[in-house]
């Protein structure tokens, strides 16, 4: 069975993967490498650092992992991670500000979910990295 390949900046470096310019996932390694040839501007680096700071809290990580399984309201999230609804609401506010979670009203309930596949990928790649 063939595993799915996802590009990372490390995949894009020609010294590590010199075989072709085209990656199995369909991206162009040369094009990707060009994005890393110059230092991004200070504001982008600051925003990236802020994004990674959001991942520095265990409660927020637990919330994100719970939402990887399925969308949930605050009460179910609190139960799933063993925290109070107040604590979960506080952390959800920060996750929303970082655009890592989104919400949808369902009557009186608010259902939270991961914002997009990038969030799932960041968490999965982080787990892969620390488990190697």
Protein backbone atom coordinates (compact mmCIF):
# COMPACT_ATOMS: atom_id res chain seq x y z
CA UNK A 1 0.00 0.00 0.00
CA UNK A 2 1.37 3.40 -1.00
CA UNK A 3 1.47 6.10 1.67
CA UNK A 4 0.39 9.65 1.01
CA UNK A 5 3.23 12.12 0.55
CA UNK A 6 2.97 15.66 1.83
CA UNK A 7 5.63 18.23 1.01
CA UNK A 8 7.49 20.00 3.74
CA UNK A 9 10.22 22.64 3.44
CA UNK A 10 12.74 19.84 4.07
CA UNK A 11 11.37 17.95 1.03
CA UNK A 12 11.86 21.05 -1.07
CA UNK A 13 15.59 21.34 -0.48
CA UNK A 14 17.46 20.03 -3.54
CA UNK A 15 20.40 18.79 -1.46
CA UNK A 16 18.09 16.42 0.37
CA UNK A 17 15.98 15.38 -2.63
CA UNK A 18 18.02 16.04 -5.76
CA UNK A 19 16.36 13.38 -7.94
CA UNK A 20 13.74 15.56 -9.70
CA UNK A 21 12.18 18.98 -9.74
CA UNK A 22 8.70 17.49 -9.39
CA UNK A 23 7.60 16.06 -6.07
CA UNK A 24 5.35 12.96 -5.95
CA UNK A 25 2.59 15.10 -4.42
CA UNK A 26 2.47 17.26 -7.54
CA UNK A 27 4.26 20.36 -6.32
CA UNK A 28 7.33 21.74 -8.01
CA UNK A 29 10.40 21.43 -5.74
CA UNK A 30 12.28 24.18 -7.53
CA UNK A 31 9.36 26.58 -7.15
CA UNK A 32 9.02 25.65 -3.47
CA UNK A 33 12.75 26.11 -2.89
CA UNK A 34 12.61 29.62 -4.34
CA UNK A 35 10.18 30.56 -1.56
CA UNK A 36 12.90 29.76 0.99
CA UNK A 37 15.82 31.43 -0.83
CA UNK A 38 15.14 34.83 0.71
CA UNK A 39 14.28 35.75 4.26
CA UNK A 40 10.58 36.66 4.64
CA UNK A 41 9.90 40.17 5.89
CA UNK A 42 9.92 40.83 9.62
CA UNK A 43 6.14 41.10 9.92
CA UNK A 44 5.60 37.63 8.40
CA UNK A 45 8.21 36.12 10.71
CA UNK A 46 6.53 37.79 13.68
CA UNK A 47 3.15 36.37 12.61
CA UNK A 48 4.67 32.89 12.20
CA UNK A 49 6.21 33.07 15.67
CA UNK A 50 2.81 34.11 17.08
CA UNK A 51 1.16 31.15 15.35
CA UNK A 52 3.61 28.73 16.92
CA UNK A 53 3.06 30.31 20.36
CA UNK A 54 -0.57 29.20 20.15
CA UNK A 55 0.67 25.59 20.04
CA UNK A 56 2.58 26.12 23.31
CA UNK A 57 -0.34 25.28 25.59
CA UNK A 58 -1.33 21.69 26.39
CA UNK A 59 -5.02 22.54 26.79
CA UNK A 60 -5.13 24.13 23.33
CA UNK A 61 -3.34 21.09 21.85
CA UNK A 62 -5.88 18.79 23.52
CA UNK A 63 -8.72 20.83 22.07
CA UNK A 64 -7.21 20.67 18.58
CA UNK A 65 -6.66 16.91 18.84
CA UNK A 66 -10.24 16.39 20.01
CA UNK A 67 -11.46 18.42 17.03
CA UNK A 68 -9.38 16.28 14.68
CA UNK A 69 -11.89 13.50 15.40
CA UNK A 70 -15.04 15.55 14.81
CA UNK A 71 -16.65 18.96 15.37
CA UNK A 72 -17.93 19.48 18.94
CA UNK A 73 -19.66 22.03 21.16
CA UNK A 74 -17.83 23.45 24.19
CA UNK A 75 -19.44 21.05 26.66
CA UNK A 76 -18.33 17.96 24.75
CA UNK A 77 -14.86 19.41 24.26
CA UNK A 78 -14.58 20.08 27.99
CA UNK A 79 -15.61 16.49 28.75
CA UNK A 80 -13.29 15.06 26.08
CA UNK A 81 -10.20 16.83 27.42
CA UNK A 82 -11.05 16.84 31.12
CA UNK A 83 -11.27 20.61 31.55
CA UNK A 84 -13.94 23.06 32.61
CA UNK A 85 -16.19 24.70 30.04
CA UNK A 86 -14.80 28.06 31.15
CA UNK A 87 -11.21 26.96 30.50
CA UNK A 88 -12.15 25.50 27.11
CA UNK A 89 -14.00 28.68 26.11
CA UNK A 90 -10.99 30.78 27.06
CA UNK A 91 -8.65 28.63 24.96
CA UNK A 92 -11.09 28.50 22.04
CA UNK A 93 -11.00 32.30 21.93
CA UNK A 94 -7.25 32.18 21.35
CA UNK A 95 -7.56 29.38 18.80
CA UNK A 96 -10.18 31.41 16.90
CA UNK A 97 -7.96 34.51 16.91
CA UNK A 98 -5.16 32.39 15.41
CA UNK A 99 -7.59 31.07 12.75
CA UNK A 100 -7.01 27.48 13.89
CA UNK A 101 -10.65 26.75 14.73
CA UNK A 102 -13.93 27.95 13.31
CA UNK A 103 -17.45 27.78 14.67
CA UNK A 104 -20.97 27.38 13.42
CA UNK A 105 -24.18 28.08 15.29
CA UNK A 106 -26.63 25.20 15.56
CA UNK A 107 -29.66 26.63 17.33
CA UNK A 108 -28.43 27.63 20.77
CA UNK A 109 -25.27 25.53 20.44
CA UNK A 110 -21.99 26.60 18.93
CA UNK A 111 -20.12 23.79 17.18
CA UNK A 112 -16.34 24.12 16.84
CA UNK A 113 -14.14 22.47 14.23
CA UNK A 114 -10.63 22.79 12.81
CA UNK A 115 -10.40 25.73 10.40
CA UNK A 116 -8.89 23.73 7.56
CA UNK A 117 -6.65 20.83 6.59
CA UNK A 118 -3.52 22.86 7.37
CA UNK A 119 -4.27 22.65 11.09
CA UNK A 120 -4.68 18.88 10.86
CA UNK A 121 -1.42 18.64 8.89
CA UNK A 122 0.53 20.78 11.39
CA UNK A 123 -0.62 18.60 14.29
CA UNK A 124 0.05 15.34 12.43
CA UNK A 125 3.50 16.52 11.31
CA UNK A 126 4.32 17.64 14.85
CA UNK A 127 3.39 14.24 16.24
CA UNK A 128 5.41 12.50 13.52
CA UNK A 129 8.40 14.70 14.33
CA UNK A 130 8.40 14.02 18.07
CA UNK A 131 7.73 10.29 17.61
CA UNK A 132 10.70 9.70 15.29
